[in-house]
Amino acid sequence: MFCLTQEERGIIVFLAGMALLGLLVDYLSKNNLPLKSLVTLDENLGRININQADKEALLGLPGIGEKLAQRILDYRKESGGFNALEDLKNIKGITEYRYQKLKELIFLP
């Protein structure tokens, strides 16, 4: 009845598999399990923990040189760590402008 080559049969099997996968995802999202629970994203991915960063990590931040990195480390040691990101403004050389550039690149747990 149908004369299909092996390649054509392979394509049909692939398409049927993809259709079944799509139906499974649709079923899980509507009836059983929200897709958000299948994927977890870390909101801090790619950001630096300001309470644990070493000097090299701090030097990787824009506008942070040797002296400012050392001031951050000294402040952290003297104060027992940062309680809020805004504490960075207590360090000489961290202006509001610089803080605004940094706050998207750092985090506190």
Foldseek 3Di string as FASTA:
>chain_A
DDDDDPVVVVVVVVVVVVVVVVVVQVCQCPPNHNVCVVDDDDLLVQAAALLPDDLVVQCPAPPDDDVLSVQSVVVCVVVVHDPDLCCSCVGPPCDPVNSVSRVSRYDHD
